[in-house]
């Protein structure tokens, strides 16, 4: 192990021992527990609600924009029929179905 590798190992160990990285060995954990300060958890973080408060408020403000695609839909429908118009029998059936659905 060269000098730089040994230095990196020591720095990583020091960071883990002081809680800046997760401890990986019993020695690092013992050192961390000996020197860790007991800081009370802020009230805001005592329940998991803090994870969602910002997201919920942004969803309430979200606007949903609709786009009129009737022209586009007609173009795609026409393309699906290879540019041909609907036969009269199908148009009559569509009118009849619409009329029947409005009666209900």
N, C-alpha and C. Protein backbone atom coordinates (compact mmCIF):
# COMPACT_ATOMS: atom_id res chain seq x y z
N UNK A 1 0.85 -1.16 0.00
CA UNK A 1 0.00 0.00 0.00
C UNK A 1 0.90 1.23 0.00
N UNK A 2 0.68 2.15 -0.97
CA UNK A 2 1.53 3.34 -1.01
C UNK A 2 1.01 4.39 -0.02
N UNK A 3 1.72 5.50 0.09
CA UNK A 3 1.39 6.53 1.07
C UNK A 3 0.01 7.13 0.88
N UNK A 4 -0.38 7.33 -0.40
CA UNK A 4 -1.69 7.94 -0.67
C UNK A 4 -2.82 6.99 -0.25
N UNK A 5 -2.67 5.69 -0.55
CA UNK A 5 -3.68 4.72 -0.16
C UNK A 5 -3.84 4.67 1.36
N UNK A 6 -2.73 4.67 2.08
CA UNK A 6 -2.78 4.63 3.55
C UNK A 6 -3.46 5.89 4.08
N UNK A 7 -3.16 7.03 3.47
CA UNK A 7 -3.79 8.29 3.88
C UNK A 7 -5.29 8.25 3.65
N UNK A 8 -5.71 7.74 2.49
CA UNK A 8 -7.14 7.65 2.17
C UNK A 8 -7.86 6.73 3.14
N UNK A 9 -7.21 5.63 3.51
CA UNK A 9 -7.80 4.69 4.47
C UNK A 9 -7.99 5.38 5.82
N UNK A 10 -7.00 6.13 6.26
CA UNK A 10 -7.08 6.83 7.55
C UNK A 10 -8.15 7.92 7.53
N UNK A 11 -8.23 8.65 6.42
CA UNK A 11 -9.24 9.70 6.31
C UNK A 11 -10.64 9.08 6.33
N UNK A 12 -10.83 8.01 5.59
CA UNK A 12 -12.13 7.34 5.56
C UNK A 12 -12.49 6.81 6.95
N UNK A 13 -11.53 6.24 7.63
CA UNK A 13 -11.77 5.73 8.98
C UNK A 13 -12.15 6.86 9.92
N UNK A 14 -11.44 7.99 9.80
CA UNK A 14 -11.74 9.14 10.66
C UNK A 14 -13.14 9.67 10.38
N UNK A 15 -13.53 9.71 9.13
CA UNK A 15 -14.87 10.18 8.78
C UNK A 15 -15.94 9.24 9.32
N UNK A 16 -15.68 7.94 9.26
CA UNK A 16 -16.64 6.97 9.79
C UNK A 16 -16.69 7.03 11.32
N UNK A 17 -15.57 7.23 11.95
CA UNK A 17 -15.52 7.28 13.42
C UNK A 17 -16.22 8.50 13.98
N UNK A 18 -16.27 9.57 13.19
CA UNK A 18 -16.90 10.80 13.68
C UNK A 18 -18.33 10.97 13.17
N UNK A 19 -18.84 9.96 12.45
CA UNK A 19 -20.23 9.99 12.03
C UNK A 19 -20.48 10.68 10.71
N UNK A 20 -19.43 11.08 10.01
CA UNK A 20 -19.61 11.71 8.71
C UNK A 20 -19.80 10.68 7.60
N UNK A 21 -19.44 9.45 7.86
CA UNK A 21 -19.75 8.29 7.03
C UNK A 21 -20.25 7.21 7.98
N UNK A 22 -20.92 6.20 7.46
CA UNK A 22 -21.39 5.13 8.32
C UNK A 22 -20.21 4.30 8.83
N UNK A 23 -20.12 4.09 10.16
CA UNK A 23 -19.04 3.24 10.69
C UNK A 23 -19.13 1.83 10.12
N UNK A 24 -17.95 1.23 9.86
CA UNK A 24 -17.93 -0.11 9.29
C UNK A 24 -17.31 -1.14 10.22
N UNK A 25 -16.58 -0.71 11.21
CA UNK A 25 -15.95 -1.66 12.13
C UNK A 25 -16.42 -1.37 13.55
N UNK A 26 -16.20 -2.34 14.43
CA UNK A 26 -16.57 -2.16 15.84
C UNK A 26 -15.77 -1.00 16.44
N UNK A 27 -14.50 -0.88 16.07
CA UNK A 27 -13.66 0.19 16.61
C UNK A 27 -14.22 1.56 16.21
N UNK A 28 -14.60 1.71 14.93
CA UNK A 28 -15.17 2.98 14.47
C UNK A 28 -16.50 3.28 15.17
N UNK A 29 -17.30 2.25 15.36
CA UNK A 29 -18.59 2.44 16.02
C UNK A 29 -18.39 2.82 17.48
N UNK A 30 -17.47 2.14 18.16
CA UNK A 30 -17.19 2.46 19.57
C UNK A 30 -16.73 3.90 19.71
N UNK A 31 -15.82 4.33 18.83
CA UNK A 31 -15.31 5.69 18.90
C UNK A 31 -16.45 6.69 18.65
N UNK A 32 -17.28 6.37 17.70
CA UNK A 32 -18.41 7.26 17.39
C UNK A 32 -19.35 7.38 18.59
N UNK A 33 -19.69 6.25 19.20
CA UNK A 33 -20.61 6.27 20.34
C UNK A 33 -20.02 6.99 21.55
N UNK A 34 -18.72 6.88 21.74
CA UNK A 34 -18.06 7.57 22.86
C UNK A 34 -18.09 9.09 22.69
N UNK A 35 -17.97 9.54 21.47
CA UNK A 35 -17.83 10.96 21.22
C UNK A 35 -19.09 11.63 20.64
N UNK A 36 -20.11 10.85 20.38
CA UNK A 36 -21.32 11.42 19.80
C UNK A 36 -22.06 12.27 20.83
N UNK A 37 -22.57 13.38 20.36
CA UNK A 37 -23.35 14.24 21.25
C UNK A 37 -24.81 13.79 21.19
N UNK A 38 -25.46 13.87 22.31
CA UNK A 38 -26.87 13.53 22.36
C UNK A 38 -27.66 14.80 22.07
N UNK A 39 -28.04 14.97 20.81
CA UNK A 39 -28.78 16.15 20.38
C UNK A 39 -30.24 15.75 20.19
N UNK A 40 -31.16 16.46 20.85
CA UNK A 40 -32.56 16.09 20.68
C UNK A 40 -33.02 16.30 19.23
N UNK A 41 -33.87 15.42 18.78
CA UNK A 41 -34.40 15.49 17.43
C UNK A 41 -35.41 16.63 17.35
N UNK A 42 -35.29 17.51 16.36
CA UNK A 42 -36.27 18.59 16.24
C UNK A 42 -37.69 18.04 16.09
N UNK A 43 -38.64 18.74 16.62
CA UNK A 43 -40.05 18.31 16.60
C UNK A 43 -40.51 17.98 15.18
N UNK A 44 -40.05 18.75 14.21
CA UNK A 44 -40.45 18.57 12.81
C UNK A 44 -40.14 17.16 12.30
N UNK A 45 -39.07 16.55 12.81
CA UNK A 45 -38.61 15.25 12.28
C UNK A 45 -39.05 14.06 13.13
N UNK A 46 -39.90 14.26 14.10
CA UNK A 46 -40.31 13.15 14.99
C UNK A 46 -41.36 12.25 14.36
N UNK A 47 -41.99 12.69 13.30
CA UNK A 47 -42.92 11.84 12.54
C UNK A 47 -42.50 11.91 11.08
N UNK A 48 -42.91 10.95 10.27
CA UNK A 48 -42.50 10.97 8.86
C UNK A 48 -43.26 12.00 8.02
N UNK A 49 -44.15 12.77 8.62
CA UNK A 49 -44.94 13.73 7.86
C UNK A 49 -44.09 14.77 7.14
N UNK A 50 -42.92 15.10 7.68
CA UNK A 50 -42.08 16.12 7.05
C UNK A 50 -41.66 15.72 5.63
N UNK A 51 -41.69 14.43 5.34
CA UNK A 51 -41.32 13.98 4.00
C UNK A 51 -42.34 14.39 2.95
N UNK A 52 -43.60 14.56 3.38
CA UNK A 52 -44.67 14.74 2.42
C UNK A 52 -45.25 16.15 2.38
N UNK A 53 -44.98 16.98 3.38
CA UNK A 53 -45.64 18.28 3.44
C UNK A 53 -45.37 19.14 2.22
N UNK A 54 -44.15 19.24 1.76
CA UNK A 54 -43.84 20.05 0.60
C UNK A 54 -44.47 19.48 -0.66
N UNK A 55 -44.47 18.18 -0.78
CA UNK A 55 -45.03 17.56 -1.99
C UNK A 55 -46.54 17.71 -2.04
N UNK A 56 -47.21 17.58 -0.92
CA UNK A 56 -48.66 17.71 -0.91
C UNK A 56 -49.07 19.12 -1.30
N UNK A 57 -48.41 20.11 -0.73
CA UNK A 57 -48.78 21.48 -1.05
C UNK A 57 -48.51 21.79 -2.53
N UNK A 58 -47.48 21.21 -3.12
CA UNK A 58 -47.22 21.48 -4.53
C UNK A 58 -48.25 20.79 -5.41
N UNK A 59 -48.77 19.64 -4.98
CA UNK A 59 -49.80 18.96 -5.75
C UNK A 59 -51.09 19.75 -5.72
N UNK A 60 -51.42 20.35 -4.58
CA UNK A 60 -52.63 21.13 -4.48
C UNK A 60 -52.60 22.34 -5.40
N UNK A 61 -51.42 22.89 -5.64
CA UNK A 61 -51.28 24.06 -6.51
C UNK A 61 -51.13 23.70 -7.98
N UNK A 62 -50.99 22.43 -8.27
CA UNK A 62 -50.73 22.00 -9.64
C UNK A 62 -51.96 22.21 -10.51
N UNK A 63 -51.75 22.75 -11.70
CA UNK A 63 -52.82 22.93 -12.65
C UNK A 63 -52.70 21.89 -13.74
N UNK A 64 -53.82 21.39 -14.17
CA UNK A 64 -53.82 20.42 -15.26
C UNK A 64 -54.34 21.14 -16.49
N UNK A 65 -53.52 21.24 -17.50
CA UNK A 65 -53.91 21.90 -18.73
C UNK A 65 -54.41 20.86 -19.71
N UNK A 66 -55.52 21.16 -20.33
CA UNK A 66 -56.07 20.24 -21.32
C UNK A 66 -55.76 20.78 -22.71
N UNK A 67 -55.61 19.89 -23.61
CA UNK A 67 -55.30 20.25 -24.99
C UNK A 67 -56.40 19.70 -25.88
N UNK A 68 -56.93 20.55 -26.73
CA UNK A 68 -57.96 20.12 -27.67
C UNK A 68 -57.29 19.39 -28.83
N UNK A 69 -57.51 18.09 -28.91
CA UNK A 69 -56.87 17.31 -29.96
C UNK A 69 -57.91 16.76 -30.95
N UNK A 70 -59.08 17.38 -30.98
CA UNK A 70 -60.12 16.83 -31.86
C UNK A 70 -59.68 16.83 -33.32
N UNK A 71 -59.01 17.89 -33.74
CA UNK A 71 -58.52 17.93 -35.11
C UNK A 71 -57.48 16.85 -35.35
N UNK A 72 -56.58 16.68 -34.40
CA UNK A 72 -55.54 15.66 -34.50
C UNK A 72 -56.15 14.27 -34.48
N UNK A 73 -57.14 14.08 -33.59
CA UNK A 73 -57.79 12.77 -33.50
C UNK A 73 -58.48 12.42 -34.82
N UNK A 74 -59.10 13.41 -35.44
CA UNK A 74 -59.75 13.15 -36.73
C UNK A 74 -58.73 12.77 -37.79
N UNK A 75 -57.57 13.46 -37.75
CA UNK A 75 -56.51 13.15 -38.71
C UNK A 75 -56.01 11.73 -38.54
N UNK A 76 -55.79 11.32 -37.28
CA UNK A 76 -55.32 9.96 -37.02
C UNK A 76 -56.38 8.93 -37.41
N UNK A 77 -57.64 9.24 -37.14
CA UNK A 77 -58.72 8.31 -37.50
C UNK A 77 -58.79 8.14 -39.01
N UNK A 78 -58.61 9.27 -39.71
CA UNK A 78 -58.62 9.22 -41.17
C UNK A 78 -57.44 8.39 -41.68
N UNK A 79 -56.28 8.56 -41.05
CA UNK A 79 -55.10 7.80 -41.45
C UNK A 79 -55.32 6.31 -41.22
N UNK A 80 -56.02 5.97 -40.15
CA UNK A 80 -56.29 4.56 -39.84
C UNK A 80 -57.19 3.94 -40.90
N UNK A 81 -57.99 4.78 -41.57
CA UNK A 81 -58.87 4.28 -42.63
C UNK A 81 -58.24 4.47 -44.00
N UNK A 82 -56.94 4.73 -44.02
CA UNK A 82 -56.22 4.94 -45.29
C UNK A 82 -56.81 6.10 -46.08
N UNK A 83 -57.25 7.14 -45.36
CA UNK A 83 -57.74 8.35 -46.02
C UNK A 83 -59.16 8.27 -46.52
N UNK A 84 -59.83 7.17 -46.26
CA UNK A 84 -61.20 7.00 -46.75
C UNK A 84 -62.19 7.53 -45.73
N UNK A 85 -63.34 8.00 -46.22
CA UNK A 85 -64.43 8.44 -45.35
C UNK A 85 -65.11 7.21 -44.75
N UNK A 86 -65.84 7.44 -43.65
CA UNK A 86 -66.61 6.34 -43.06
C UNK A 86 -67.80 6.02 -43.96
N UNK A 87 -68.11 4.74 -44.10
CA UNK A 87 -69.29 4.36 -44.90
C UNK A 87 -70.57 4.88 -44.23
N UNK A 88 -71.57 5.13 -45.02
CA UNK A 88 -72.85 5.67 -44.54
C UNK A 88 -73.46 4.76 -43.48
N UNK A 89 -73.33 3.46 -43.61
CA UNK A 89 -73.93 2.51 -42.65
C UNK A 89 -73.31 2.69 -41.26
N UNK A 90 -72.00 2.95 -41.20
CA UNK A 90 -71.33 3.14 -39.91
C UNK A 90 -71.74 4.47 -39.30
N UNK A 91 -71.81 5.52 -40.13
CA UNK A 91 -72.26 6.83 -39.62
C UNK A 91 -73.67 6.74 -39.04
N UNK A 92 -74.58 6.02 -39.74
CA UNK A 92 -75.95 5.85 -39.25
C UNK A 92 -75.97 5.08 -37.93
N UNK A 93 -75.13 4.06 -37.84
CA UNK A 93 -75.06 3.26 -36.60
C UNK A 93 -74.54 4.13 -35.44
N UNK A 94 -73.55 4.98 -35.71
CA UNK A 94 -73.01 5.87 -34.67
C UNK A 94 -74.09 6.84 -34.19
N UNK A 95 -74.86 7.41 -35.11
CA UNK A 95 -75.95 8.32 -34.73
C UNK A 95 -76.99 7.61 -33.88
N UNK A 96 -77.33 6.39 -34.27
CA UNK A 96 -78.32 5.60 -33.54
C UNK A 96 -77.82 5.29 -32.12
N UNK A 97 -76.55 4.90 -31.99
CA UNK A 97 -75.97 4.60 -30.68
C UNK A 97 -75.96 5.83 -29.80
N UNK A 98 -75.61 6.98 -30.37
CA UNK A 98 -75.60 8.23 -29.61
C UNK A 98 -77.00 8.59 -29.13
N UNK A 99 -77.98 8.43 -30.01
CA UNK A 99 -79.37 8.73 -29.67
C UNK A 99 -79.85 7.81 -28.55
N UNK A 100 -79.53 6.52 -28.65
CA UNK A 100 -79.93 5.55 -27.62
C UNK A 100 -79.26 5.82 -26.27
N UNK A 101 -78.01 6.29 -26.30
CA UNK A 101 -77.32 6.55 -25.04
C UNK A 101 -77.88 7.79 -24.35
N UNK A 102 -78.41 8.73 -25.11
CA UNK A 102 -78.99 9.94 -24.53
C UNK A 102 -80.35 9.69 -23.91
N UNK A 103 -81.04 8.65 -24.34
CA UNK A 103 -82.36 8.31 -23.78
C UNK A 103 -82.25 7.80 -22.34
N UNK A 104 -81.12 7.20 -21.99
CA UNK A 104 -80.97 6.56 -20.68
C UNK A 104 -80.88 7.55 -19.59
